[in-house]
Amino acid sequence: MQSADNIAEIGILIYPAALLSAVYGLTDLFMVANQLASRHEGLKRPLMRISHWQENESGQIIRVHDTHEGLPNKPMFVIAPPSFTEPISAERAKPFAAWLRDLHTKGATLCSVCAGSFVLGATGLLEGRASTTHWSYAESMAKRHPESRIEGDKLIIDDGDIITAGGFMAWTDLGLRIVHRLLGPTLMMELARFMLVDPPGREQRYYSSFAPRLHHGDETILKVQHWLQKTGARDVSLALMAKQAGMEERTFLRRFTKATGLKPIEYCQHLRVGKAREMLEFTHQNIEQIAYAVGYEDTGAFRKVFHKVVGLTPGDYRSRFSLAQSAA
């Protein structure tokens, strides 16, 4: 019998003028992924539950569709899809932004596609972060949210607890990214083949390959994770993280490790390496420059950490995966 423990809920927000083809396309994509996953005996992965959310006459955001009715609501991912008109106004986005912020504090990963970034931007959670939107909206998005680094040339930016996708049809890219997180790369590739979508092209320019565990229920630790994500885990120590959490170091170490599955320093290493991988793929900066950019003054230490996390040296990784070198 299915329970909330083996169900990963993905909520799709139907805000005014949301593109319904994307809403139903994402729903179908995740349902197909469930069907493909069911063919693999012994695969211990969560089934995906898809819910739709809409504002009622009282201004409340309520569930209007659910593929698994009767289970408690606990979305792991919430998606603001594209719209077929001009982006939503800052004023009109307020009730949706408040709802999204609340879910984010409870561990949900927030996502947007195309003009959906304006709904996400209204939460204030993009401050200090890189995000993307449709290239034609990049300038207006930057004006409305100057605190966010708008990178309109990128198709998808995965910043751990926030994922933004650019193009009008980039809901397919976002869907594949979520399937990759929940069901793994093999099933994502199988789904891409079934949909006739090219994953390598679809996954270019992601912000970070590290997918942190956020849906653990420890709100204090989650706040520290959000802070680390925002700062890039630069110039941090166990003492500083414990202070940020308002805990004694031993208590913080125990609770952080239990919640995230990683010790605090290991977690920071994964965040830094994720950014380094992106720079190795998409820039011509040398290893020393990249090491410094992600917070390592000792290049030798950076190389050791990178190899420990990725299984390749930075040089080998660049040789295999650098799109910048391929373009050159």
Protein backbone atom coordinates (compact mmCIF):
# COMPACT_ATOMS: atom_id res chain seq x y z
CA MET A 1 0.00 0.00 0.00
CA GLN A 2 1.29 3.43 -0.89
CA SER A 3 2.04 5.91 1.86
CA ALA A 4 3.41 9.42 2.10
CA ASP A 5 6.83 7.92 2.86
CA ASN A 6 7.35 6.55 -0.66
CA ILE A 7 5.60 9.36 -2.54
CA ALA A 8 7.41 12.49 -3.74
CA GLU A 9 4.86 15.24 -4.29
CA ILE A 10 5.41 17.74 -7.10
CA GLY A 11 3.09 20.73 -6.97
CA ILE A 12 2.36 22.85 -10.06
CA LEU A 13 1.06 26.38 -9.44
CA ILE A 14 -1.69 27.59 -11.79
CA TYR A 15 -1.42 31.37 -11.42
CA PRO A 16 -3.25 33.87 -13.68
CA ALA A 17 -2.37 33.29 -17.38
CA ALA A 18 -0.23 30.24 -16.57
CA LEU A 19 0.41 28.14 -19.67
CA LEU A 20 -1.88 25.15 -19.25
CA SER A 21 -0.07 23.14 -21.90
CA ALA A 22 3.02 23.27 -19.65
CA VAL A 23 0.95 22.36 -16.58
CA TYR A 24 -0.52 19.28 -18.25
CA GLY A 25 2.70 18.51 -20.12
CA LEU A 26 4.64 18.35 -16.87
CA THR A 27 1.90 16.23 -15.34
CA ASP A 28 2.13 13.77 -18.23
CA LEU A 29 5.93 13.77 -18.14
CA PHE A 30 6.00 12.76 -14.47
CA MET A 31 3.28 10.15 -14.96
CA VAL A 32 5.24 8.58 -17.83
CA ALA A 33 8.32 8.55 -15.60
CA ASN A 34 6.30 6.68 -12.97
CA GLN A 35 5.28 4.10 -15.55
CA LEU A 36 8.86 3.61 -16.70
CA ALA A 37 10.06 3.29 -13.10
CA SER A 38 7.40 0.65 -12.36
CA ARG A 39 8.99 -1.64 -14.97
CA HIS A 40 12.20 -1.89 -12.96
CA GLU A 41 11.75 -4.55 -10.31
CA GLY A 42 13.46 -3.82 -7.03
CA LEU A 43 13.99 -0.14 -7.84
CA LYS A 44 13.67 1.62 -4.50
CA ARG A 45 12.68 5.07 -5.68
CA PRO A 46 9.68 7.21 -4.70
CA LEU A 47 6.69 7.42 -6.96
CA MET A 48 5.89 10.93 -8.08
CA ARG A 49 2.62 12.47 -6.98
CA ILE A 50 1.46 15.45 -9.04
CA SER A 51 -0.79 18.11 -7.59
CA HIS A 52 -2.14 21.35 -9.08
CA TRP A 53 -2.64 24.45 -6.94
CA GLN A 54 -4.76 27.50 -7.66
CA GLU A 55 -6.06 30.62 -5.90
CA ASN A 56 -9.69 30.45 -4.77
CA GLU A 57 -12.18 33.29 -4.36
CA SER A 58 -10.95 33.93 -0.81
CA GLY A 59 -7.35 34.38 -1.97
CA GLN A 60 -6.18 31.04 -0.57
CA ILE A 61 -3.96 28.72 -2.58
CA ILE A 62 -5.75 25.38 -2.68
CA ARG A 63 -5.21 22.01 -4.32
CA VAL A 64 -7.44 21.53 -7.35
CA HIS A 65 -5.97 18.29 -8.70
CA ASP A 66 -4.11 15.40 -7.11
CA THR A 67 -2.97 12.10 -8.58
CA HIS A 68 -2.81 10.55 -5.08
CA GLU A 69 -5.76 11.89 -3.11
CA GLY A 70 -6.07 11.27 0.59
CA LEU A 71 -2.39 11.61 1.48
CA PRO A 72 -1.01 14.53 3.54
CA ASN A 73 0.18 17.50 1.49
CA LYS A 74 3.95 17.89 1.59
CA PRO A 75 5.32 19.08 -1.78
CA MET A 76 9.02 18.38 -2.35
CA PHE A 77 9.03 20.48 -5.52
CA VAL A 78 6.77 23.37 -6.51
CA ILE A 79 6.77 24.69 -10.08
CA ALA A 80 5.70 28.11 -11.42
CA PRO A 81 5.14 27.35 -15.14
CA PRO A 82 5.39 29.80 -18.06
CA SER A 83 2.62 32.26 -18.89
CA PHE A 84 1.18 33.15 -22.30
CA THR A 85 0.97 36.89 -21.56
CA GLU A 86 3.33 39.48 -20.12
CA PRO A 87 4.88 38.46 -16.77
CA ILE A 88 2.70 38.72 -13.70
CA SER A 89 2.88 42.06 -11.85
CA ALA A 90 4.70 42.30 -8.53
CA GLU A 91 1.43 43.18 -6.76
CA ARG A 92 -0.53 40.29 -8.26
CA ALA A 93 2.27 37.85 -7.41
CA LYS A 94 2.16 38.61 -3.66
CA PRO A 95 -0.28 35.89 -2.51
CA PHE A 96 1.55 33.25 -4.53
CA ALA A 97 4.91 34.46 -3.24
CA ALA A 98 3.79 34.15 0.38
CA TRP A 99 2.60 30.59 -0.25
CA LEU A 100 5.87 29.67 -1.98
CA ARG A 101 7.98 31.17 0.82
CA ASP A 102 6.11 29.12 3.39
CA LEU A 103 6.70 25.90 1.45
CA HIS A 104 10.36 26.80 0.99
CA THR A 105 10.83 27.16 4.75
CA LYS A 106 9.43 23.65 5.09
CA GLY A 107 11.97 22.19 2.67
CA ALA A 108 10.33 22.41 -0.75
CA THR A 109 12.53 23.08 -3.77
CA LEU A 110 11.04 26.00 -5.72
CA CYS A 111 11.14 25.97 -9.53
CA SER A 112 10.15 28.30 -12.34
CA VAL A 113 9.99 28.18 -16.13
CA CYS A 114 10.22 31.20 -18.43
CA ALA A 115 8.00 34.03 -17.07
CA GLY A 116 7.28 31.91 -14.00
CA SER A 117 10.52 33.39 -12.68
CA PHE A 118 8.60 36.61 -11.90
CA VAL A 119 6.37 34.68 -9.51
CA LEU A 120 9.43 33.13 -7.92
CA GLY A 121 11.23 36.48 -7.81
CA ALA A 122 8.40 37.99 -5.77
CA THR A 123 9.35 35.68 -2.88
CA GLY A 124 12.62 37.56 -2.35
CA LEU A 125 14.46 34.25 -2.33
CA LEU A 126 16.46 35.04 -5.48
CA GLU A 127 18.45 37.72 -3.67
CA GLY A 128 22.16 37.10 -4.17
CA ARG A 129 21.53 34.10 -6.42
CA ALA A 130 21.90 33.35 -10.09
CA SER A 131 18.65 32.72 -11.95
CA THR A 132 17.40 32.52 -15.50
CA THR A 133 14.26 33.35 -17.46
CA HIS A 134 13.29 33.67 -21.11
CA TRP A 135 15.91 35.78 -22.89
CA SER A 136 13.29 38.36 -23.89
CA TYR A 137 12.37 38.91 -20.23
CA ALA A 138 15.93 39.02 -18.86
CA GLU A 139 16.16 42.83 -18.87
CA SER A 140 12.78 43.41 -17.23
CA MET A 141 13.49 40.67 -14.69
CA ALA A 142 16.80 42.34 -13.82
CA LYS A 143 15.08 45.69 -13.35
CA ARG A 144 12.39 44.25 -11.10
CA HIS A 145 14.83 42.08 -9.13
CA PRO A 146 18.26 43.73 -9.25
CA GLU A 147 19.32 41.65 -6.25
CA SER A 148 19.34 38.52 -8.44
CA ARG A 149 22.01 37.76 -11.02
CA ILE A 150 19.94 37.18 -14.15
CA GLU A 151 21.76 34.92 -16.61
CA GLY A 152 19.38 34.88 -19.54
CA ASP A 153 21.76 32.91 -21.76
CA LYS A 154 21.42 29.82 -19.58
CA LEU A 155 18.77 27.22 -20.20
CA ILE A 156 18.55 25.93 -16.64
CA ILE A 157 20.19 26.92 -13.37
CA ASP A 158 20.03 24.37 -10.57
CA ASP A 159 20.90 26.14 -7.34
CA GLY A 160 19.97 23.30 -5.02
CA ASP A 161 16.81 24.53 -3.33
CA ILE A 162 15.80 26.76 -6.26
CA ILE A 163 15.76 25.74 -9.94
CA THR A 164 15.01 28.19 -12.75
CA ALA A 165 14.56 27.31 -16.41
CA GLY A 166 14.67 29.77 -19.28
CA GLY A 167 12.83 29.08 -22.52
CA PHE A 168 9.10 28.85 -23.19
CA MET A 169 9.36 25.08 -23.66
CA ALA A 170 11.98 24.59 -20.95
CA TRP A 171 9.41 22.83 -18.79
CA THR A 172 10.72 19.64 -20.43
CA ASP A 173 14.24 20.48 -19.22
CA LEU A 174 12.99 21.16 -15.73
CA GLY A 175 10.95 17.96 -15.73
CA LEU A 176 13.99 15.91 -16.70
CA ARG A 177 16.03 17.61 -13.98
CA ILE A 178 13.46 16.70 -11.32
CA VAL A 179 13.22 13.11 -12.61
CA HIS A 180 17.04 12.93 -12.47
CA ARG A 181 16.94 13.96 -8.82
CA LEU A 182 14.13 11.65 -7.74
CA LEU A 183 14.58 8.58 -9.95
CA GLY A 184 18.23 8.84 -10.98
CA PRO A 185 20.13 9.32 -14.27
CA THR A 186 19.26 5.94 -15.82
CA LEU A 187 15.52 6.54 -15.66
CA MET A 188 15.96 10.14 -16.73
CA MET A 189 17.80 8.94 -19.84
CA GLU A 190 15.13 6.34 -20.49
CA LEU A 191 12.44 9.01 -20.21
CA ALA A 192 14.37 11.34 -22.51
CA ARG A 193 14.65 8.62 -25.14
CA PHE A 194 10.94 7.89 -24.85
CA MET A 195 10.15 11.60 -25.30
CA LEU A 196 12.75 12.04 -28.07
CA VAL A 197 14.54 14.70 -26.04
CA ASP A 198 18.33 15.07 -26.05
CA PRO A 199 19.45 15.18 -22.37
CA PRO A 200 23.03 16.49 -23.01
CA GLY A 201 21.67 19.49 -24.88
CA ARG A 202 18.88 19.93 -22.37
CA GLU A 203 21.14 19.89 -19.33
CA GLN A 204 23.66 22.52 -20.40
CA ARG A 205 24.60 25.35 -18.11
CA TYR A 206 23.23 24.06 -14.86
CA TYR A 207 24.36 26.09 -11.85
CA SER A 208 25.22 23.25 -9.51
CA SER A 209 25.17 19.48 -9.84
CA PHE A 210 24.86 18.97 -6.08
CA ALA A 211 21.28 18.20 -5.01
CA PRO A 212 21.14 18.80 -1.24
CA ARG A 213 18.67 17.01 1.01
CA LEU A 214 16.18 19.71 2.01
CA HIS A 215 13.01 17.83 2.86
CA HIS A 216 14.12 16.62 6.29
CA GLY A 217 11.86 18.70 8.56
CA ASP A 218 14.58 20.38 10.66
CA GLU A 219 13.79 24.06 10.03
CA THR A 220 16.86 25.37 11.88
CA ILE A 221 19.23 23.25 9.80
CA LEU A 222 17.29 24.17 6.66
CA LYS A 223 17.89 27.87 7.35
CA VAL A 224 21.63 27.19 7.57
CA GLN A 225 21.47 25.27 4.28
CA HIS A 226 19.75 28.22 2.61
CA TRP A 227 22.43 30.54 4.01
CA LEU A 228 25.23 28.29 2.73
CA GLN A 229 23.61 28.07 -0.70
CA LYS A 230 23.31 31.85 -0.87
CA THR A 231 26.91 32.51 0.21
CA GLY A 232 28.44 29.68 -1.81
CA ALA A 233 29.81 28.22 1.45
CA ARG A 234 32.79 30.56 1.25
CA ASP A 235 34.81 31.44 4.37
CA VAL A 236 32.71 29.25 6.64
CA SER A 237 33.67 27.06 9.57
CA LEU A 238 31.88 24.71 11.90
CA ALA A 239 31.84 27.41 14.56
CA LEU A 240 30.32 29.96 12.18
CA MET A 241 27.65 27.54 10.98
CA ALA A 242 26.78 26.60 14.55
CA LYS A 243 26.50 30.30 15.41
CA GLN A 244 24.22 30.82 12.42
CA ALA A 245 22.00 28.03 13.79
CA GLY A 246 22.20 29.34 17.36
CA MET A 247 23.53 26.02 18.63
CA GLU A 248 26.49 24.58 20.45
CA GLU A 249 28.91 23.02 17.96
CA ARG A 250 28.39 19.40 19.01
CA THR A 251 24.62 19.72 18.82
CA PHE A 252 24.81 21.43 15.44
CA LEU A 253 27.17 18.78 14.04
CA ARG A 254 24.85 15.98 15.13
CA ARG A 255 21.65 17.60 13.83
CA PHE A 256 23.18 18.78 10.55
CA THR A 257 24.61 15.35 9.76
CA LYS A 258 21.33 13.63 10.63
CA ALA A 259 19.30 16.05 8.45
CA THR A 260 21.54 16.27 5.38
CA GLY A 261 23.42 12.96 5.40
CA LEU A 262 26.71 14.87 5.28
CA LYS A 263 28.95 16.46 7.86
CA PRO A 264 28.90 20.28 7.63
CA ILE A 265 32.37 20.54 6.07
CA GLU A 266 31.57 17.76 3.56
CA TYR A 267 28.37 19.58 2.66
CA CYS A 268 30.29 22.80 2.02
CA GLN A 269 32.79 20.89 -0.12
CA HIS A 270 29.97 19.55 -2.30
CA LEU A 271 28.55 23.05 -2.76
CA ARG A 272 31.94 24.46 -3.75
CA VAL A 273 32.76 21.59 -6.07
CA GLY A 274 29.38 21.97 -7.76
CA LYS A 275 30.23 25.57 -8.66
CA ALA A 276 33.75 24.55 -9.73
CA ARG A 277 32.32 21.92 -12.08
CA GLU A 278 30.23 24.56 -13.79
CA MET A 279 33.24 26.85 -14.19
CA LEU A 280 35.33 24.00 -15.59
CA GLU A 281 32.60 23.25 -18.13
CA PHE A 282 31.73 26.75 -19.26
CA THR A 283 34.76 29.02 -18.73
CA HIS A 284 38.41 29.20 -19.79
CA GLN A 285 39.65 30.17 -16.32
CA ASN A 286 42.60 28.11 -15.12
CA ILE A 287 42.43 25.73 -12.18
CA GLU A 288 44.04 28.20 -9.78
CA GLN A 289 41.52 30.91 -10.64
CA ILE A 290 38.61 28.52 -10.23
CA ALA A 291 39.92 27.24 -6.91
CA TYR A 292 40.13 30.77 -5.57
CA ALA A 293 36.71 31.71 -6.98
CA VAL A 294 34.99 28.90 -5.08
CA GLY A 295 36.80 29.59 -1.81
CA TYR A 296 40.10 27.68 -1.86
CA GLU A 297 43.37 29.61 -1.44
CA ASP A 298 45.36 26.36 -1.61
CA THR A 299 45.03 24.90 -5.12
CA GLY A 300 46.42 21.57 -3.93
CA ALA A 301 43.69 21.28 -1.32
CA PHE A 302 41.08 22.13 -3.96
CA ARG A 303 42.39 19.40 -6.28
CA LYS A 304 42.20 16.81 -3.50
CA VAL A 305 38.66 17.77 -2.51
CA PHE A 306 37.51 17.86 -6.14
CA HIS A 307 38.92 14.39 -6.82
CA LYS A 308 37.34 13.06 -3.63
CA VAL A 309 33.88 14.36 -4.58
CA VAL A 310 33.90 13.82 -8.36
CA GLY A 311 36.34 10.95 -8.84
CA LEU A 312 38.35 12.92 -11.43
CA THR A 313 40.99 15.60 -11.17
CA PRO A 314 39.83 19.08 -12.24
CA GLY A 315 41.96 18.77 -15.37
CA ASP A 316 40.50 15.41 -16.35
CA TYR A 317 36.99 16.67 -15.70
CA ARG A 318 37.56 19.68 -17.97
CA SER A 319 39.02 17.48 -20.71
CA ARG A 320 35.93 15.27 -20.72
CA PHE A 321 33.13 17.78 -20.17
CA SER A 322 34.27 21.29 -21.06
CA LEU A 323 31.80 22.88 -23.48
CA ALA A 324 33.98 25.99 -23.62
CA GLN A 325 36.90 23.99 -25.03
CA SER A 326 34.60 22.16 -27.45
CA ALA A 327 33.29 25.45 -28.77
CA ALA A 328 36.83 26.76 -29.18
